[in-house]
Amino acid sequence: MKPKEIISYPVMTEVTSRLIETENKLVFIVNSKARKEDIKRAVEELYHVKVKEINVAFTRKGKKKAYVKLEPEYKATDVAIRLGVL
């Protein structure tokens, strides 16, 4: 899959804004068939950052949500501003 097929859109709520600021994490809705390795590769290619860890969960509506923790030298706030969510 291509990176743009994997990442659908970023999620922005009060909780995710707190995650961006305190835990250096970004939250995305991703393709339900994407694996963690695919998500990591897509985020690194699209946003030019290094990913430390990824956790995934399914929402009640059946969408796959990826919690992407960035390496300490990259700031999630910078990426969120580039995405236009902050």
PDB file of N, CA and C in Angstrom:
ATOM      1  N   MET A   1       0.833  -1.191   0.000  1.00  0.00           N
ATOM      2  CA  MET A   1       0.000   0.000   0.000  1.00  0.00           C
ATOM      3  C   MET A   1       0.876   1.253   0.000  1.00  0.00           C
ATOM      4  N   LYS A   2       0.375   2.275  -0.613  1.00  0.00           N
ATOM      5  CA  LYS A   2       1.076   3.550  -0.633  1.00  0.00           C
ATOM      6  C   LYS A   2       0.799   4.287   0.680  1.00  0.00           C
ATOM      7  N   PRO A   3       1.704   5.170   1.113  1.00  0.00           N
ATOM      8  CA  PRO A   3       1.510   5.888   2.381  1.00  0.00           C
ATOM      9  C   PRO A   3       0.190   6.653   2.470  1.00  0.00           C
ATOM     10  N   LYS A   4      -0.243   7.246   1.361  1.00  0.00           N
ATOM     11  CA  LYS A   4      -1.499   8.007   1.399  1.00  0.00           C
ATOM     12  C   LYS A   4      -2.719   7.106   1.477  1.00  0.00           C
ATOM     13  N   GLU A   5      -2.565   5.840   1.120  1.00  0.00           N
ATOM     14  CA  GLU A   5      -3.665   4.881   1.265  1.00  0.00           C
ATOM     15  C   GLU A   5      -3.750   4.363   2.701  1.00  0.00           C
ATOM     16  N   ILE A   6      -2.642   4.414   3.417  1.00  0.00           N
ATOM     17  CA  ILE A   6      -2.593   3.896   4.787  1.00  0.00           C
ATOM     18  C   ILE A   6      -3.158   4.910   5.772  1.00  0.00           C
ATOM     19  N   ILE A   7      -2.697   6.147   5.695  1.00  0.00           N
ATOM     20  CA  ILE A   7      -3.140   7.200   6.616  1.00  0.00           C
ATOM     21  C   ILE A   7      -4.375   7.872   6.021  1.00  0.00           C
ATOM     22  N   SER A   8      -5.514   7.757   6.720  1.00  0.00           N
ATOM     23  CA  SER A   8      -6.734   8.395   6.215  1.00  0.00           C
ATOM     24  C   SER A   8      -6.786   9.869   6.619  1.00  0.00           C
ATOM     25  N   TYR A   9      -6.719  10.138   7.928  1.00  0.00           N
ATOM     26  CA  TYR A   9      -6.742  11.513   8.410  1.00  0.00           C
ATOM     27  C   TYR A   9      -6.322  11.554   9.874  1.00  0.00           C
ATOM     28  N   PRO A  10      -5.840  12.723  10.343  1.00  0.00           N
ATOM     29  CA  PRO A  10      -5.479  12.858  11.759  1.00  0.00           C
ATOM     30  C   PRO A  10      -6.730  13.087  12.611  1.00  0.00           C
ATOM     31  N   VAL A  11      -6.654  12.665  13.850  1.00  0.00           N
ATOM     32  CA  VAL A  11      -7.756  12.850  14.789  1.00  0.00           C
ATOM     33  C   VAL A  11      -7.407  14.009  15.711  1.00  0.00           C
ATOM     34  N   MET A  12      -8.354  14.940  15.916  1.00  0.00           N
ATOM     35  CA  MET A  12      -8.110  16.045  16.821  1.00  0.00           C
ATOM     36  C   MET A  12      -9.290  16.209  17.759  1.00  0.00           C
ATOM     37  N   THR A  13      -9.064  15.859  19.010  1.00  0.00           N
ATOM     38  CA  THR A  13     -10.035  16.061  20.076  1.00  0.00           C
ATOM     39  C   THR A  13      -9.282  16.667  21.257  1.00  0.00           C
ATOM     40  N   GLU A  14      -9.976  16.911  22.344  1.00  0.00           N
ATOM     41  CA  GLU A  14      -9.305  17.426  23.536  1.00  0.00           C
ATOM     42  C   GLU A  14      -8.283  16.425  24.060  1.00  0.00           C
ATOM     43  N   VAL A  15      -8.644  15.159  24.031  1.00  0.00           N
ATOM     44  CA  VAL A  15      -7.739  14.120  24.520  1.00  0.00           C
ATOM     45  C   VAL A  15      -6.504  14.021  23.627  1.00  0.00           C
ATOM     46  N   THR A  16      -6.688  14.029  22.318  1.00  0.00           N
ATOM     47  CA  THR A  16      -5.533  13.908  21.430  1.00  0.00           C
ATOM     48  C   THR A  16      -4.642  15.146  21.494  1.00  0.00           C
ATOM     49  N   SER A  17      -5.209  16.319  21.722  1.00  0.00           N
ATOM     50  CA  SER A  17      -4.367  17.509  21.866  1.00  0.00           C
ATOM     51  C   SER A  17      -3.517  17.408  23.123  1.00  0.00           C
ATOM     52  N   ARG A  18      -4.046  16.790  24.162  1.00  0.00           N
ATOM     53  CA  ARG A  18      -3.263  16.570  25.385  1.00  0.00           C
ATOM     54  C   ARG A  18      -2.148  15.558  25.119  1.00  0.00           C
ATOM     55  N   LEU A  19      -2.441  14.517  24.334  1.00  0.00           N
ATOM     56  CA  LEU A  19      -1.418  13.531  23.980  1.00  0.00           C
ATOM     57  C   LEU A  19      -0.290  14.163  23.163  1.00  0.00           C
ATOM     58  N   ILE A  20      -0.642  15.069  22.275  1.00  0.00           N
ATOM     59  CA  ILE A  20       0.363  15.756  21.464  1.00  0.00           C
ATOM     60  C   ILE A  20       1.302  16.551  22.360  1.00  0.00           C
ATOM     61  N   GLU A  21       0.753  17.262  23.316  1.00  0.00           N
ATOM     62  CA  GLU A  21       1.558  18.144  24.149  1.00  0.00           C
ATOM     63  C   GLU A  21       2.332  17.406  25.238  1.00  0.00           C
ATOM     64  N   THR A  22       1.730  16.391  25.861  1.00  0.00           N
ATOM     65  CA  THR A  22       2.380  15.752  27.008  1.00  0.00           C
ATOM     66  C   THR A  22       3.172  14.502  26.665  1.00  0.00           C
ATOM     67  N   GLU A  23       2.694  13.702  25.705  1.00  0.00           N
ATOM     68  CA  GLU A  23       3.335  12.418  25.426  1.00  0.00           C
ATOM     69  C   GLU A  23       4.008  12.338  24.064  1.00  0.00           C
ATOM     70  N   ASN A  24       4.000  13.444  23.305  1.00  0.00           N
ATOM     71  CA  ASN A  24       4.630  13.485  21.986  1.00  0.00           C
ATOM     72  C   ASN A  24       4.024  12.434  21.048  1.00  0.00           C
ATOM     73  N   LYS A  25       2.677  12.299  21.078  1.00  0.00           N
ATOM     74  CA  LYS A  25       1.973  11.320  20.254  1.00  0.00           C
ATOM     75  C   LYS A  25       1.027  12.008  19.284  1.00  0.00           C
ATOM     76  N   LEU A  26       0.902  11.406  18.117  1.00  0.00           N
ATOM     77  CA  LEU A  26      -0.085  11.817  17.123  1.00  0.00           C
ATOM     78  C   LEU A  26      -1.088  10.684  16.967  1.00  0.00           C
ATOM     79  N   VAL A  27      -2.322  11.024  16.613  1.00  0.00           N
ATOM     80  CA  VAL A  27      -3.363  10.010  16.459  1.00  0.00           C
ATOM     81  C   VAL A  27      -3.944  10.130  15.054  1.00  0.00           C
ATOM     82  N   PHE A  28      -4.017   8.987  14.356  1.00  0.00           N
ATOM     83  CA  PHE A  28      -4.526   8.943  12.989  1.00  0.00           C
ATOM     84  C   PHE A  28      -5.563   7.846  12.854  1.00  0.00           C
ATOM     85  N   ILE A  29      -6.515   8.046  11.952  1.00  0.00           N
ATOM     86  CA  ILE A  29      -7.371   6.965  11.489  1.00  0.00           C
ATOM     87  C   ILE A  29      -6.643   6.366  10.292  1.00  0.00           C
ATOM     88  N   VAL A  30      -6.477   5.039  10.320  1.00  0.00           N
ATOM     89  CA  VAL A  30      -5.689   4.375   9.286  1.00  0.00           C
ATOM     90  C   VAL A  30      -6.507   3.277   8.616  1.00  0.00           C
ATOM     91  N   ASN A  31      -5.985   2.764   7.527  1.00  0.00           N
ATOM     92  CA  ASN A  31      -6.608   1.657   6.805  1.00  0.00           C
ATOM     93  C   ASN A  31      -6.671   0.442   7.727  1.00  0.00           C
ATOM     94  N   SER A  32      -7.804  -0.226   7.762  1.00  0.00           N
ATOM     95  CA  SER A  32      -7.983  -1.339   8.694  1.00  0.00           C
ATOM     96  C   SER A  32      -7.093  -2.533   8.371  1.00  0.00           C
ATOM     97  N   LYS A  33      -6.559  -2.615   7.158  1.00  0.00           N
ATOM     98  CA  LYS A  33      -5.685  -3.721   6.780  1.00  0.00           C
ATOM     99  C   LYS A  33      -4.208  -3.411   7.011  1.00  0.00           C
ATOM    100  N   ALA A  34      -3.890  -2.181   7.420  1.00  0.00           N
ATOM    101  CA  ALA A  34      -2.500  -1.780   7.613  1.00  0.00           C
ATOM    102  C   ALA A  34      -1.936  -2.378   8.899  1.00  0.00           C
ATOM    103  N   ARG A  35      -0.699  -2.851   8.805  1.00  0.00           N
ATOM    104  CA  ARG A  35      -0.001  -3.361   9.984  1.00  0.00           C
ATOM    105  C   ARG A  35       0.796  -2.227  10.616  1.00  0.00           C
ATOM    106  N   LYS A  36       1.320  -2.485  11.820  1.00  0.00           N
ATOM    107  CA  LYS A  36       2.100  -1.456  12.505  1.00  0.00           C
ATOM    108  C   LYS A  36       3.307  -1.022  11.677  1.00  0.00           C
ATOM    109  N   GLU A  37       3.961  -1.971  11.016  1.00  0.00           N
ATOM    110  CA  GLU A  37       5.118  -1.641  10.188  1.00  0.00           C
ATOM    111  C   GLU A  37       4.730  -0.725   9.031  1.00  0.00           C
ATOM    112  N   ASP A  38       3.555  -0.983   8.448  1.00  0.00           N
ATOM    113  CA  ASP A  38       3.066  -0.149   7.345  1.00  0.00           C
ATOM    114  C   ASP A  38       2.778   1.269   7.832  1.00  0.00           C
ATOM    115  N   ILE A  39       2.147   1.371   8.991  1.00  0.00           N
ATOM    116  CA  ILE A  39       1.800   2.679   9.553  1.00  0.00           C
ATOM    117  C   ILE A  39       3.072   3.456   9.865  1.00  0.00           C
ATOM    118  N   LYS A  40       4.044   2.789  10.467  1.00  0.00           N
ATOM    119  CA  LYS A  40       5.319   3.439  10.795  1.00  0.00           C
ATOM    120  C   LYS A  40       5.987   3.979   9.538  1.00  0.00           C
ATOM    121  N   ARG A  41       6.073   3.162   8.504  1.00  0.00           N
ATOM    122  CA  ARG A  41       6.700   3.579   7.253  1.00  0.00           C
ATOM    123  C   ARG A  41       5.961   4.767   6.640  1.00  0.00           C
ATOM    124  N   ALA A  42       4.633   4.716   6.656  1.00  0.00           N
ATOM    125  CA  ALA A  42       3.828   5.789   6.065  1.00  0.00           C
ATOM    126  C   ALA A  42       4.022   7.110   6.801  1.00  0.00           C
ATOM    127  N   VAL A  43       3.996   7.069   8.129  1.00  0.00           N
ATOM    128  CA  VAL A  43       4.168   8.306   8.911  1.00  0.00           C
ATOM    129  C   VAL A  43       5.561   8.880   8.688  1.00  0.00           C
ATOM    130  N   GLU A  44       6.579   8.021   8.680  1.00  0.00           N
ATOM    131  CA  GLU A  44       7.939   8.507   8.476  1.00  0.00           C
ATOM    132  C   GLU A  44       8.128   9.108   7.091  1.00  0.00           C
ATOM    133  N   GLU A  45       7.515   8.511   6.077  1.00  0.00           N
ATOM    134  CA  GLU A  45       7.650   9.040   4.709  1.00  0.00           C
ATOM    135  C   GLU A  45       6.858  10.329   4.513  1.00  0.00           C
ATOM    136  N   LEU A  46       5.634  10.366   5.021  1.00  0.00           N
ATOM    137  CA  LEU A  46       4.779  11.535   4.777  1.00  0.00           C
ATOM    138  C   LEU A  46       5.193  12.763   5.586  1.00  0.00           C
ATOM    139  N   TYR A  47       5.622  12.562   6.816  1.00  0.00           N
ATOM    140  CA  TYR A  47       5.864  13.701   7.714  1.00  0.00           C
ATOM    141  C   TYR A  47       7.328  13.905   8.075  1.00  0.00           C
ATOM    142  N   HIS A  48       8.238  13.077   7.527  1.00  0.00           N
ATOM    143  CA  HIS A  48       9.685  13.232   7.715  1.00  0.00           C
ATOM    144  C   HIS A  48      10.071  13.274   9.194  1.00  0.00           C
ATOM    145  N   VAL A  49       9.598  12.285   9.944  1.00  0.00           N
ATOM    146  CA  VAL A  49       9.924  12.132  11.361  1.00  0.00           C
ATOM    147  C   VAL A  49      10.332  10.681  11.603  1.00  0.00           C
ATOM    148  N   LYS A  50      10.857  10.400  12.790  1.00  0.00           N
ATOM    149  CA  LYS A  50      11.176   9.031  13.191  1.00  0.00           C
ATOM    150  C   LYS A  50      10.161   8.595  14.240  1.00  0.00           C
ATOM    151  N   VAL A  51       9.606   7.404  14.069  1.00  0.00           N
ATOM    152  CA  VAL A  51       8.589   6.865  14.962  1.00  0.00           C
ATOM    153  C   VAL A  51       9.243   5.946  15.982  1.00  0.00           C
ATOM    154  N   LYS A  52       8.882   6.129  17.247  1.00  0.00           N
ATOM    155  CA  LYS A  52       9.416   5.289  18.315  1.00  0.00           C
ATOM    156  C   LYS A  52       8.522   4.084  18.569  1.00  0.00           C
ATOM    157  N   GLU A  53       7.200   4.323  18.614  1.00  0.00           N
ATOM    158  CA  GLU A  53       6.267   3.263  19.002  1.00  0.00           C
ATOM    159  C   GLU A  53       4.896   3.532  18.385  1.00  0.00           C
ATOM    160  N   ILE A  54       4.164   2.452  18.112  1.00  0.00           N
ATOM    161  CA  ILE A  54       2.803   2.573  17.584  1.00  0.00           C
ATOM    162  C   ILE A  54       1.887   1.631  18.348  1.00  0.00           C
ATOM    163  N   ASN A  55       0.741   2.146  18.753  1.00  0.00           N
ATOM    164  CA  ASN A  55      -0.324   1.335  19.336  1.00  0.00           C
ATOM    165  C   ASN A  55      -1.563   1.532  18.471  1.00  0.00           C
ATOM    166  N   VAL A  56      -2.339   0.473  18.300  1.00  0.00           N
ATOM    167  CA  VAL A  56      -3.547   0.568  17.489  1.00  0.00           C
ATOM    168  C   VAL A  56      -4.752   0.102  18.295  1.00  0.00           C
ATOM    169  N   ALA A  57      -5.901   0.661  17.937  1.00  0.00           N
ATOM    170  CA  ALA A  57      -7.168   0.279  18.565  1.00  0.00           C
ATOM    171  C   ALA A  57      -8.265   0.484  17.537  1.00  0.00           C
ATOM    172  N   PHE A  58      -9.363  -0.223  17.728  1.00  0.00           N
ATOM    173  CA  PHE A  58     -10.519  -0.049  16.861  1.00  0.00           C
ATOM    174  C   PHE A  58     -11.570   0.770  17.585  1.00  0.00           C
ATOM    175  N   THR A  59     -12.172   1.733  16.867  1.00  0.00           N
ATOM    176  CA  THR A  59     -13.218   2.549  17.456  1.00  0.00           C
ATOM    177  C   THR A  59     -14.525   1.768  17.463  1.00  0.00           C
ATOM    178  N   ARG A  60     -15.507   2.315  18.101  1.00  0.00           N
ATOM    179  CA  ARG A  60     -16.832   1.670  18.134  1.00  0.00           C
ATOM    180  C   ARG A  60     -17.455   1.587  16.752  1.00  0.00           C
ATOM    181  N   LYS A  61     -17.070   2.508  15.898  1.00  0.00           N
ATOM    182  CA  LYS A  61     -17.608   2.518  14.534  1.00  0.00           C
ATOM    183  C   LYS A  61     -16.824   1.604  13.593  1.00  0.00           C
ATOM    184  N   GLY A  62     -15.828   0.895  14.128  1.00  0.00           N
ATOM    185  CA  GLY A  62     -15.086  -0.065  13.328  1.00  0.00           C
ATOM    186  C   GLY A  62     -13.884   0.490  12.595  1.00  0.00           C
ATOM    187  N   LYS A  63     -13.501   1.720  12.896  1.00  0.00           N
ATOM    188  CA  LYS A  63     -12.331   2.310  12.250  1.00  0.00           C
ATOM    189  C   LYS A  63     -11.087   2.015  13.079  1.00  0.00           C
ATOM    190  N   LYS A  64      -9.955   1.901  12.419  1.00  0.00           N
ATOM    191  CA  LYS A  64      -8.695   1.606  13.096  1.00  0.00           C
ATOM    192  C   LYS A  64      -7.988   2.918  13.425  1.00  0.00           C
ATOM    193  N   LYS A  65      -7.630   3.079  14.686  1.00  0.00           N
ATOM    194  CA  LYS A  65      -6.990   4.291  15.169  1.00  0.00           C
ATOM    195  C   LYS A  65      -5.556   3.946  15.580  1.00  0.00           C
ATOM    196  N   ALA A  66      -4.592   4.731  15.116  1.00  0.00           N
ATOM    197  CA  ALA A  66      -3.187   4.495  15.432  1.00  0.00           C
ATOM    198  C   ALA A  66      -2.661   5.631  16.299  1.00  0.00           C
ATOM    199  N   TYR A  67      -2.065   5.265  17.431  1.00  0.00           N
ATOM    200  CA  TYR A  67      -1.404   6.208  18.326  1.00  0.00           C
ATOM    201  C   TYR A  67       0.088   6.119  18.026  1.00  0.00           C
ATOM    202  N   VAL A  68       0.650   7.175  17.468  1.00  0.00           N
ATOM    203  CA  VAL A  68       2.029   7.163  16.984  1.00  0.00           C
ATOM    204  C   VAL A  68       2.890   8.029  17.893  1.00  0.00           C
ATOM    205  N   LYS A  69       3.824   7.389  18.604  1.00  0.00           N
ATOM    206  CA  LYS A  69       4.748   8.125  19.472  1.00  0.00           C
ATOM    207  C   LYS A  69       6.012   8.407  18.690  1.00  0.00           C
ATOM    208  N   LEU A  70       6.422   9.670  18.686  1.00  0.00           N
ATOM    209  CA  LEU A  70       7.602  10.079  17.940  1.00  0.00           C
ATOM    210  C   LEU A  70       8.852   9.996  18.811  1.00  0.00           C
ATOM    211  N   GLU A  71      10.001   9.894  18.145  1.00  0.00           N
ATOM    212  CA  GLU A  71      11.281   9.938  18.851  1.00  0.00           C
ATOM    213  C   GLU A  71      11.429  11.301  19.520  1.00  0.00           C
ATOM    214  N   PRO A  72      12.180  11.377  20.635  1.00  0.00           N
ATOM    215  CA  PRO A  72      12.287  12.635  21.393  1.00  0.00           C
ATOM    216  C   PRO A  72      12.813  13.832  20.599  1.00  0.00           C
ATOM    217  N   GLU A  73      13.627  13.597  19.571  1.00  0.00           N
ATOM    218  CA  GLU A  73      14.168  14.736  18.819  1.00  0.00           C
ATOM    219  C   GLU A  73      13.144  15.366  17.874  1.00  0.00           C
ATOM    220  N   TYR A  74      11.989  14.730  17.689  1.00  0.00           N
ATOM    221  CA  TYR A  74      10.917  15.279  16.859  1.00  0.00           C
ATOM    222  C   TYR A  74       9.744  15.663  17.757  1.00  0.00           C
ATOM    223  N   LYS A  75       9.101  16.767  17.445  1.00  0.00           N
ATOM    224  CA  LYS A  75       7.989  17.265  18.249  1.00  0.00           C
ATOM    225  C   LYS A  75       6.661  17.039  17.529  1.00  0.00           C
ATOM    226  N   ALA A  76       5.736  16.411  18.223  1.00  0.00           N
ATOM    227  CA  ALA A  76       4.407  16.160  17.664  1.00  0.00           C
ATOM    228  C   ALA A  76       3.671  17.474  17.409  1.00  0.00           C
ATOM    229  N   THR A  77       3.954  18.494  18.215  1.00  0.00           N
ATOM    230  CA  THR A  77       3.292  19.781  18.003  1.00  0.00           C
ATOM    231  C   THR A  77       3.676  20.384  16.650  1.00  0.00           C
ATOM    232  N   ASP A  78       4.942  20.219  16.237  1.00  0.00           N
ATOM    233  CA  ASP A  78       5.375  20.744  14.940  1.00  0.00           C
ATOM    234  C   ASP A  78       4.640  20.048  13.796  1.00  0.00           C
ATOM    235  N   VAL A  79       4.502  18.728  13.904  1.00  0.00           N
ATOM    236  CA  VAL A  79       3.798  17.977  12.866  1.00  0.00           C
ATOM    237  C   VAL A  79       2.312  18.350  12.852  1.00  0.00           C
ATOM    238  N   ALA A  80       1.715  18.495  14.035  1.00  0.00           N
ATOM    239  CA  ALA A  80       0.298  18.866  14.116  1.00  0.00           C
ATOM    240  C   ALA A  80       0.047  20.246  13.524  1.00  0.00           C
ATOM    241  N   ILE A  81       0.971  21.167  13.714  1.00  0.00           N
ATOM    242  CA  ILE A  81       0.819  22.500  13.131  1.00  0.00           C
ATOM    243  C   ILE A  81       0.915  22.402  11.606  1.00  0.00           C
ATOM    244  N   ARG A  82       1.848  21.588  11.089  1.00  0.00           N
ATOM    245  CA  ARG A  82       1.953  21.406   9.636  1.00  0.00           C
ATOM    246  C   ARG A  82       0.701  20.777   9.049  1.00  0.00           C
ATOM    247  N   LEU A  83       0.062  19.887   9.831  1.00  0.00           N
ATOM    248  CA  LEU A  83      -1.170  19.246   9.378  1.00  0.00           C
ATOM    249  C   LEU A  83      -2.384  20.176   9.485  1.00  0.00           C
ATOM    250  N   GLY A  84      -2.242  21.244  10.263  1.00  0.00           N
ATOM    251  CA  GLY A  84      -3.327  22.195  10.436  1.00  0.00           C
ATOM    252  C   GLY A  84      -4.335  21.781  11.501  1.00  0.00           C
ATOM    253  N   VAL A  85      -3.945  20.888  12.410  1.00  0.00           N
ATOM    254  CA  VAL A  85      -4.869  20.445  13.456  1.00  0.00           C
ATOM    255  C   VAL A  85      -4.642  21.184  14.769  1.00  0.00           C
ATOM    256  N   LEU A  86      -3.553  21.905  14.890  1.00  0.00           N
ATOM    257  CA  LEU A  86      -3.300  22.719  16.099  1.00  0.00           C
ATOM    258  C   LEU A  86      -3.228  24.169  15.745  1.00  0.00           C
TER     259      LEU A  86
END
